[in-house]
Amino acid sequence: MSAMDDWTAAVRDALGLDDDPQVRLVLEMAKDVAHGVLRPAAPVTAYLLGIAVGRGFDPAEAAARITRLVQEEHAPAAD
């Protein structure tokens, strides 16, 4: 197990969460936001993703929407 796996397992235990946290999905989305928008926006966006998932959004669909938003809102302007 990696340090990330150990950490997420400890947090899941502390919060009583049984489901798969989909760490890679969250990290990829956070990377897109950090590099495409602003570094401090990544953890806030991850938090908002968690709220959306808690309200019933499919995690993959919610992350894909965020990634599309980054691409649409922060794409280089065409000359």
PDB file of N, CA and C in Angstrom:
ATOM      1  N   MET A   1       0.838  -1.193   0.000  1.00  0.00           N
ATOM      2  CA  MET A   1       0.000   0.000   0.000  1.00  0.00           C
ATOM      3  C   MET A   1       0.875   1.247   0.000  1.00  0.00           C
ATOM      4  N   SER A   2       0.465   2.217  -0.749  1.00  0.00           N
ATOM      5  CA  SER A   2       1.193   3.481  -0.773  1.00  0.00           C
ATOM      6  C   SER A   2       0.746   4.368   0.384  1.00  0.00           C
ATOM      7  N   ALA A   3       1.489   5.448   0.575  1.00  0.00           N
ATOM      8  CA  ALA A   3       1.106   6.401   1.627  1.00  0.00           C
ATOM      9  C   ALA A   3      -0.287   6.958   1.353  1.00  0.00           C
ATOM     10  N   MET A   4      -0.622   7.192   0.070  1.00  0.00           N
ATOM     11  CA  MET A   4      -1.952   7.695  -0.282  1.00  0.00           C
ATOM     12  C   MET A   4      -3.023   6.675   0.095  1.00  0.00           C
ATOM     13  N   ASP A   5      -2.762   5.416  -0.210  1.00  0.00           N
ATOM     14  CA  ASP A   5      -3.721   4.360   0.149  1.00  0.00           C
ATOM     15  C   ASP A   5      -3.900   4.271   1.659  1.00  0.00           C
ATOM     16  N   ASP A   6      -2.782   4.348   2.381  1.00  0.00           N
ATOM     17  CA  ASP A   6      -2.849   4.306   3.846  1.00  0.00           C
ATOM     18  C   ASP A   6      -3.673   5.480   4.378  1.00  0.00           C
ATOM     19  N   TRP A   7      -3.405   6.669   3.839  1.00  0.00           N
ATOM     20  CA  TRP A   7      -4.103   7.870   4.297  1.00  0.00           C
ATOM     21  C   TRP A   7      -5.597   7.783   4.003  1.00  0.00           C
ATOM     22  N   THR A   8      -5.956   7.431   2.769  1.00  0.00           N
ATOM     23  CA  THR A   8      -7.380   7.382   2.429  1.00  0.00           C
ATOM     24  C   THR A   8      -8.095   6.298   3.232  1.00  0.00           C
ATOM     25  N   ALA A   9      -7.416   5.185   3.505  1.00  0.00           N
ATOM     26  CA  ALA A   9      -8.024   4.136   4.338  1.00  0.00           C
ATOM     27  C   ALA A   9      -8.273   4.660   5.753  1.00  0.00           C
ATOM     28  N   ALA A  10      -7.312   5.402   6.287  1.00  0.00           N
ATOM     29  CA  ALA A  10      -7.479   5.959   7.640  1.00  0.00           C
ATOM     30  C   ALA A  10      -8.626   6.966   7.679  1.00  0.00           C
ATOM     31  N   VAL A  11      -8.721   7.823   6.662  1.00  0.00           N
ATOM     32  CA  VAL A  11      -9.804   8.822   6.614  1.00  0.00           C
ATOM     33  C   VAL A  11     -11.151   8.123   6.456  1.00  0.00           C
ATOM     34  N   ARG A  12     -11.217   7.127   5.577  1.00  0.00           N
ATOM     35  CA  ARG A  12     -12.473   6.381   5.409  1.00  0.00           C
ATOM     36  C   ARG A  12     -12.901   5.741   6.722  1.00  0.00           C
ATOM     37  N   ASP A  13     -11.957   5.144   7.432  1.00  0.00           N
ATOM     38  CA  ASP A  13     -12.276   4.535   8.726  1.00  0.00           C
ATOM     39  C   ASP A  13     -12.779   5.591   9.710  1.00  0.00           C
ATOM     40  N   ALA A  14     -12.091   6.733   9.770  1.00  0.00           N
ATOM     41  CA  ALA A  14     -12.470   7.798  10.705  1.00  0.00           C
ATOM     42  C   ALA A  14     -13.854   8.354  10.411  1.00  0.00           C
ATOM     43  N   LEU A  15     -14.227   8.366   9.131  1.00  0.00           N
ATOM     44  CA  LEU A  15     -15.523   8.928   8.726  1.00  0.00           C
ATOM     45  C   LEU A  15     -16.602   7.864   8.550  1.00  0.00           C
ATOM     46  N   GLY A  16     -16.244   6.605   8.736  1.00  0.00           N
ATOM     47  CA  GLY A  16     -17.224   5.526   8.593  1.00  0.00           C
ATOM     48  C   GLY A  16     -17.682   5.323   7.163  1.00  0.00           C
ATOM     49  N   LEU A  17     -16.782   5.509   6.210  1.00  0.00           N
ATOM     50  CA  LEU A  17     -17.129   5.361   4.791  1.00  0.00           C
ATOM     51  C   LEU A  17     -16.711   3.981   4.297  1.00  0.00           C
ATOM     52  N   ASP A  18     -17.634   3.303   3.645  1.00  0.00           N
ATOM     53  CA  ASP A  18     -17.350   1.965   3.140  1.00  0.00           C
ATOM     54  C   ASP A  18     -17.094   1.940   1.638  1.00  0.00           C
ATOM     55  N   ASP A  19     -17.564   2.954   0.907  1.00  0.00           N
ATOM     56  CA  ASP A  19     -17.474   2.888  -0.541  1.00  0.00           C
ATOM     57  C   ASP A  19     -16.085   3.249  -1.052  1.00  0.00           C
ATOM     58  N   ASP A  20     -15.866   2.875  -2.315  1.00  0.00           N
ATOM     59  CA  ASP A  20     -14.616   3.164  -3.010  1.00  0.00           C
ATOM     60  C   ASP A  20     -14.481   4.676  -3.175  1.00  0.00           C
ATOM     61  N   PRO A  21     -13.397   5.272  -2.695  1.00  0.00           N
ATOM     62  CA  PRO A  21     -13.265   6.725  -2.781  1.00  0.00           C
ATOM     63  C   PRO A  21     -12.881   7.236  -4.165  1.00  0.00           C
ATOM     64  N   GLN A  22     -12.553   6.347  -5.110  1.00  0.00           N
ATOM     65  CA  GLN A  22     -12.185   6.735  -6.470  1.00  0.00           C
ATOM     66  C   GLN A  22     -11.108   7.821  -6.464  1.00  0.00           C
ATOM     67  N   VAL A  23     -10.043   7.525  -5.744  1.00  0.00           N
ATOM     68  CA  VAL A  23      -8.953   8.478  -5.550  1.00  0.00           C
ATOM     69  C   VAL A  23      -8.376   8.943  -6.881  1.00  0.00           C
ATOM     70  N   ARG A  24      -8.127   8.048  -7.797  1.00  0.00           N
ATOM     71  CA  ARG A  24      -7.525   8.424  -9.083  1.00  0.00           C
ATOM     72  C   ARG A  24      -8.403   9.404  -9.844  1.00  0.00           C
ATOM     73  N   LEU A  25      -9.711   9.188  -9.827  1.00  0.00           N
ATOM     74  CA  LEU A  25     -10.653  10.084 -10.497  1.00  0.00           C
ATOM     75  C   LEU A  25     -10.548  11.487  -9.906  1.00  0.00           C
ATOM     76  N   VAL A  26     -10.514  11.585  -8.592  1.00  0.00           N
ATOM     77  CA  VAL A  26     -10.428  12.884  -7.922  1.00  0.00           C
ATOM     78  C   VAL A  26      -9.088  13.542  -8.209  1.00  0.00           C
ATOM     79  N   LEU A  27      -8.011  12.766  -8.171  1.00  0.00           N
ATOM     80  CA  LEU A  27      -6.689  13.339  -8.438  1.00  0.00           C
ATOM     81  C   LEU A  27      -6.577  13.866  -9.870  1.00  0.00           C
ATOM     82  N   GLU A  28      -7.119  13.141 -10.831  1.00  0.00           N
ATOM     83  CA  GLU A  28      -7.081  13.599 -12.223  1.00  0.00           C
ATOM     84  C   GLU A  28      -7.877  14.886 -12.395  1.00  0.00           C
ATOM     85  N   MET A  29      -9.057  14.938 -11.797  1.00  0.00           N
ATOM     86  CA  MET A  29      -9.874  16.145 -11.881  1.00  0.00           C
ATOM     87  C   MET A  29      -9.166  17.315 -11.207  1.00  0.00           C
ATOM     88  N   ALA A  30      -8.584  17.079 -10.040  1.00  0.00           N
ATOM     89  CA  ALA A  30      -7.874  18.139  -9.322  1.00  0.00           C
ATOM     90  C   ALA A  30      -6.669  18.631 -10.111  1.00  0.00           C
ATOM     91  N   LYS A  31      -5.976  17.718 -10.783  1.00  0.00           N
ATOM     92  CA  LYS A  31      -4.837  18.096 -11.625  1.00  0.00           C
ATOM     93  C   LYS A  31      -5.298  19.012 -12.753  1.00  0.00           C
ATOM     94  N   ASP A  32      -6.414  18.654 -13.400  1.00  0.00           N
ATOM     95  CA  ASP A  32      -6.945  19.488 -14.482  1.00  0.00           C
ATOM     96  C   ASP A  32      -7.257  20.894 -13.978  1.00  0.00           C
ATOM     97  N   VAL A  33      -7.873  20.973 -12.821  1.00  0.00           N
ATOM     98  CA  VAL A  33      -8.238  22.276 -12.254  1.00  0.00           C
ATOM     99  C   VAL A  33      -6.988  23.050 -11.847  1.00  0.00           C
ATOM    100  N   ALA A  34      -6.060  22.384 -11.175  1.00  0.00           N
ATOM    101  CA  ALA A  34      -4.845  23.065 -10.703  1.00  0.00           C
ATOM    102  C   ALA A  34      -4.036  23.634 -11.855  1.00  0.00           C
ATOM    103  N   HIS A  35      -3.940  22.873 -12.942  1.00  0.00           N
ATOM    104  CA  HIS A  35      -3.138  23.322 -14.077  1.00  0.00           C
ATOM    105  C   HIS A  35      -3.921  24.188 -15.046  1.00  0.00           C
ATOM    106  N   GLY A  36      -5.234  24.020 -15.091  1.00  0.00           N
ATOM    107  CA  GLY A  36      -6.036  24.751 -16.063  1.00  0.00           C
ATOM    108  C   GLY A  36      -6.716  25.990 -15.519  1.00  0.00           C
ATOM    109  N   VAL A  37      -6.842  26.085 -14.209  1.00  0.00           N
ATOM    110  CA  VAL A  37      -7.536  27.227 -13.608  1.00  0.00           C
ATOM    111  C   VAL A  37      -6.592  27.910 -12.631  1.00  0.00           C
ATOM    112  N   LEU A  38      -6.427  27.302 -11.460  1.00  0.00           N
ATOM    113  CA  LEU A  38      -5.637  27.895 -10.387  1.00  0.00           C
ATOM    114  C   LEU A  38      -5.386  26.816  -9.347  1.00  0.00           C
ATOM    115  N   ARG A  39      -4.174  26.710  -8.852  1.00  0.00           N
ATOM    116  CA  ARG A  39      -3.857  25.650  -7.884  1.00  0.00           C
ATOM    117  C   ARG A  39      -4.806  25.628  -6.687  1.00  0.00           C
ATOM    118  N   PRO A  40      -5.068  26.773  -6.038  1.00  0.00           N
ATOM    119  CA  PRO A  40      -5.965  26.728  -4.879  1.00  0.00           C
ATOM    120  C   PRO A  40      -7.401  26.322  -5.229  1.00  0.00           C
ATOM    121  N   ALA A  41      -7.757  26.367  -6.498  1.00  0.00           N
ATOM    122  CA  ALA A  41      -9.102  25.952  -6.894  1.00  0.00           C
ATOM    123  C   ALA A  41      -9.266  24.434  -6.843  1.00  0.00           C
ATOM    124  N   ALA A  42      -8.169  23.693  -6.882  1.00  0.00           N
ATOM    125  CA  ALA A  42      -8.251  22.229  -6.920  1.00  0.00           C
ATOM    126  C   ALA A  42      -8.898  21.634  -5.672  1.00  0.00           C
ATOM    127  N   PRO A  43      -8.453  21.967  -4.453  1.00  0.00           N
ATOM    128  CA  PRO A  43      -9.109  21.354  -3.294  1.00  0.00           C
ATOM    129  C   PRO A  43     -10.551  21.826  -3.109  1.00  0.00           C
ATOM    130  N   VAL A  44     -10.816  23.071  -3.447  1.00  0.00           N
ATOM    131  CA  VAL A  44     -12.196  23.575  -3.340  1.00  0.00           C
ATOM    132  C   VAL A  44     -13.091  22.835  -4.329  1.00  0.00           C
ATOM    133  N   THR A  45     -12.586  22.623  -5.538  1.00  0.00           N
ATOM    134  CA  THR A  45     -13.359  21.902  -6.552  1.00  0.00           C
ATOM    135  C   THR A  45     -13.558  20.451  -6.141  1.00  0.00           C
ATOM    136  N   ALA A  46     -12.543  19.836  -5.534  1.00  0.00           N
ATOM    137  CA  ALA A  46     -12.687  18.463  -5.048  1.00  0.00           C
ATOM    138  C   ALA A  46     -13.772  18.391  -3.967  1.00  0.00           C
ATOM    139  N   TYR A  47     -13.818  19.398  -3.126  1.00  0.00           N
ATOM    140  CA  TYR A  47     -14.862  19.468  -2.098  1.00  0.00           C
ATOM    141  C   TYR A  47     -16.241  19.582  -2.756  1.00  0.00           C
ATOM    142  N   LEU A  48     -16.362  20.446  -3.756  1.00  0.00           N
ATOM    143  CA  LEU A  48     -17.641  20.602  -4.457  1.00  0.00           C
ATOM    144  C   LEU A  48     -18.033  19.314  -5.181  1.00  0.00           C
ATOM    145  N   LEU A  49     -17.050  18.618  -5.734  1.00  0.00           N
ATOM    146  CA  LEU A  49     -17.308  17.318  -6.349  1.00  0.00           C
ATOM    147  C   LEU A  49     -17.891  16.366  -5.302  1.00  0.00           C
ATOM    148  N   GLY A  50     -17.314  16.368  -4.107  1.00  0.00           N
ATOM    149  CA  GLY A  50     -17.819  15.511  -3.034  1.00  0.00           C
ATOM    150  C   GLY A  50     -19.252  15.844  -2.647  1.00  0.00           C
ATOM    151  N   ILE A  51     -19.567  17.118  -2.606  1.00  0.00           N
ATOM    152  CA  ILE A  51     -20.950  17.514  -2.304  1.00  0.00           C
ATOM    153  C   ILE A  51     -21.886  16.991  -3.393  1.00  0.00           C
ATOM    154  N   ALA A  52     -21.487  17.170  -4.656  1.00  0.00           N
ATOM    155  CA  ALA A  52     -22.327  16.705  -5.773  1.00  0.00           C
ATOM    156  C   ALA A  52     -22.538  15.189  -5.697  1.00  0.00           C
ATOM    157  N   VAL A  53     -21.486  14.451  -5.422  1.00  0.00           N
ATOM    158  CA  VAL A  53     -21.603  12.992  -5.315  1.00  0.00           C
ATOM    159  C   VAL A  53     -22.492  12.624  -4.135  1.00  0.00           C
ATOM    160  N   GLY A  54     -22.343  13.340  -3.034  1.00  0.00           N
ATOM    161  CA  GLY A  54     -23.196  13.097  -1.873  1.00  0.00           C
ATOM    162  C   GLY A  54     -24.664  13.351  -2.155  1.00  0.00           C
ATOM    163  N   ARG A  55     -24.928  14.212  -3.117  1.00  0.00           N
ATOM    164  CA  ARG A  55     -26.315  14.511  -3.498  1.00  0.00           C
ATOM    165  C   ARG A  55     -26.811  13.645  -4.640  1.00  0.00           C
ATOM    166  N   GLY A  56     -26.012  12.651  -5.020  1.00  0.00           N
ATOM    167  CA  GLY A  56     -26.498  11.675  -5.987  1.00  0.00           C
ATOM    168  C   GLY A  56     -25.848  11.677  -7.347  1.00  0.00           C
ATOM    169  N   PHE A  57     -24.950  12.624  -7.641  1.00  0.00           N
ATOM    170  CA  PHE A  57     -24.264  12.622  -8.936  1.00  0.00           C
ATOM    171  C   PHE A  57     -23.366  11.404  -9.040  1.00  0.00           C
ATOM    172  N   ASP A  58     -23.266  10.855 -10.226  1.00  0.00           N
ATOM    173  CA  ASP A  58     -22.283   9.818 -10.510  1.00  0.00           C
ATOM    174  C   ASP A  58     -20.900  10.472 -10.450  1.00  0.00           C
ATOM    175  N   PRO A  59     -19.946   9.902  -9.705  1.00  0.00           N
ATOM    176  CA  PRO A  59     -18.636  10.531  -9.571  1.00  0.00           C
ATOM    177  C   PRO A  59     -17.932  10.775 -10.900  1.00  0.00           C
ATOM    178  N   ALA A  60     -17.953   9.798 -11.787  1.00  0.00           N
ATOM    179  CA  ALA A  60     -17.277   9.949 -13.078  1.00  0.00           C
ATOM    180  C   ALA A  60     -17.930  11.052 -13.908  1.00  0.00           C
ATOM    181  N   GLU A  61     -19.246  11.123 -13.904  1.00  0.00           N
ATOM    182  CA  GLU A  61     -19.950  12.153 -14.669  1.00  0.00           C
ATOM    183  C   GLU A  61     -19.682  13.536 -14.081  1.00  0.00           C
ATOM    184  N   ALA A  62     -19.710  13.652 -12.774  1.00  0.00           N
ATOM    185  CA  ALA A  62     -19.451  14.950 -12.145  1.00  0.00           C
ATOM    186  C   ALA A  62     -18.033  15.418 -12.448  1.00  0.00           C
ATOM    187  N   ALA A  63     -17.047  14.522 -12.343  1.00  0.00           N
ATOM    188  CA  ALA A  63     -15.656  14.882 -12.643  1.00  0.00           C
ATOM    189  C   ALA A  63     -15.503  15.256 -14.113  1.00  0.00           C
ATOM    190  N   ALA A  64     -16.187  14.534 -14.995  1.00  0.00           N
ATOM    191  CA  ALA A  64     -16.123  14.848 -16.430  1.00  0.00           C
ATOM    192  C   ALA A  64     -16.714  16.228 -16.711  1.00  0.00           C
ATOM    193  N   ARG A  65     -17.790  16.574 -16.040  1.00  0.00           N
ATOM    194  CA  ARG A  65     -18.379  17.913 -16.220  1.00  0.00           C
ATOM    195  C   ARG A  65     -17.399  19.001 -15.790  1.00  0.00           C
ATOM    196  N   ILE A  66     -16.723  18.770 -14.683  1.00  0.00           N
ATOM    197  CA  ILE A  66     -15.751  19.752 -14.203  1.00  0.00           C
ATOM    198  C   ILE A  66     -14.597  19.877 -15.189  1.00  0.00           C
ATOM    199  N   THR A  67     -14.088  18.750 -15.670  1.00  0.00           N
ATOM    200  CA  THR A  67     -12.993  18.780 -16.639  1.00  0.00           C
ATOM    201  C   THR A  67     -13.420  19.498 -17.915  1.00  0.00           C
ATOM    202  N   ARG A  68     -14.637  19.242 -18.384  1.00  0.00           N
ATOM    203  CA  ARG A  68     -15.138  19.964 -19.574  1.00  0.00           C
ATOM    204  C   ARG A  68     -15.218  21.454 -19.307  1.00  0.00           C
ATOM    205  N   LEU A  69     -15.657  21.820 -18.123  1.00  0.00           N
ATOM    206  CA  LEU A  69     -15.743  23.229 -17.766  1.00  0.00           C
ATOM    207  C   LEU A  69     -14.351  23.877 -17.806  1.00  0.00           C
ATOM    208  N   VAL A  70     -13.365  23.190 -17.267  1.00  0.00           N
ATOM    209  CA  VAL A  70     -11.989  23.712 -17.319  1.00  0.00           C
ATOM    210  C   VAL A  70     -11.574  23.907 -18.769  1.00  0.00           C
ATOM    211  N   GLN A  71     -11.833  22.915 -19.606  1.00  0.00           N
ATOM    212  CA  GLN A  71     -11.448  23.004 -21.012  1.00  0.00           C
ATOM    213  C   GLN A  71     -12.180  24.103 -21.755  1.00  0.00           C
ATOM    214  N   GLU A  72     -13.462  24.259 -21.485  1.00  0.00           N
ATOM    215  CA  GLU A  72     -14.263  25.286 -22.177  1.00  0.00           C
ATOM    216  C   GLU A  72     -13.944  26.691 -21.692  1.00  0.00           C
ATOM    217  N   GLU A  73     -13.825  26.849 -20.394  1.00  0.00           N
ATOM    218  CA  GLU A  73     -13.634  28.176 -19.812  1.00  0.00           C
ATOM    219  C   GLU A  73     -12.195  28.666 -19.914  1.00  0.00           C
ATOM    220  N   HIS A  74     -11.271  27.764 -19.994  1.00  0.00           N
ATOM    221  CA  HIS A  74      -9.864  28.159 -19.935  1.00  0.00           C
ATOM    222  C   HIS A  74      -9.073  27.670 -21.140  1.00  0.00           C
ATOM    223  N   ALA A  75      -9.770  27.395 -22.231  1.00  0.00           N
ATOM    224  CA  ALA A  75      -9.079  27.019 -23.458  1.00  0.00           C
ATOM    225  C   ALA A  75      -8.408  28.240 -24.061  1.00  0.00           C
ATOM    226  N   PRO A  76      -7.255  28.053 -24.700  1.00  0.00           N
ATOM    227  CA  PRO A  76      -6.599  29.209 -25.343  1.00  0.00           C
ATOM    228  C   PRO A  76      -7.518  29.832 -26.399  1.00  0.00           C
ATOM    229  N   ALA A  77      -7.509  31.131 -26.463  1.00  0.00           N
ATOM    230  CA  ALA A  77      -8.355  31.840 -27.432  1.00  0.00           C
ATOM    231  C   ALA A  77      -7.843  31.591 -28.854  1.00  0.00           C
ATOM    232  N   ALA A  78      -8.766  31.390 -29.762  1.00  0.00           N
ATOM    233  CA  ALA A  78      -8.408  31.210 -31.175  1.00  0.00           C
ATOM    234  C   ALA A  78      -8.066  32.563 -31.781  1.00  0.00           C
ATOM    235  N   ASP A  79      -7.028  32.576 -32.600  1.00  0.00           N
ATOM    236  CA  ASP A  79      -6.622  33.836 -33.239  1.00  0.00           C
ATOM    237  C   ASP A  79      -7.421  34.116 -34.484  1.00  0.00           C
TER     238      ASP A  79
END
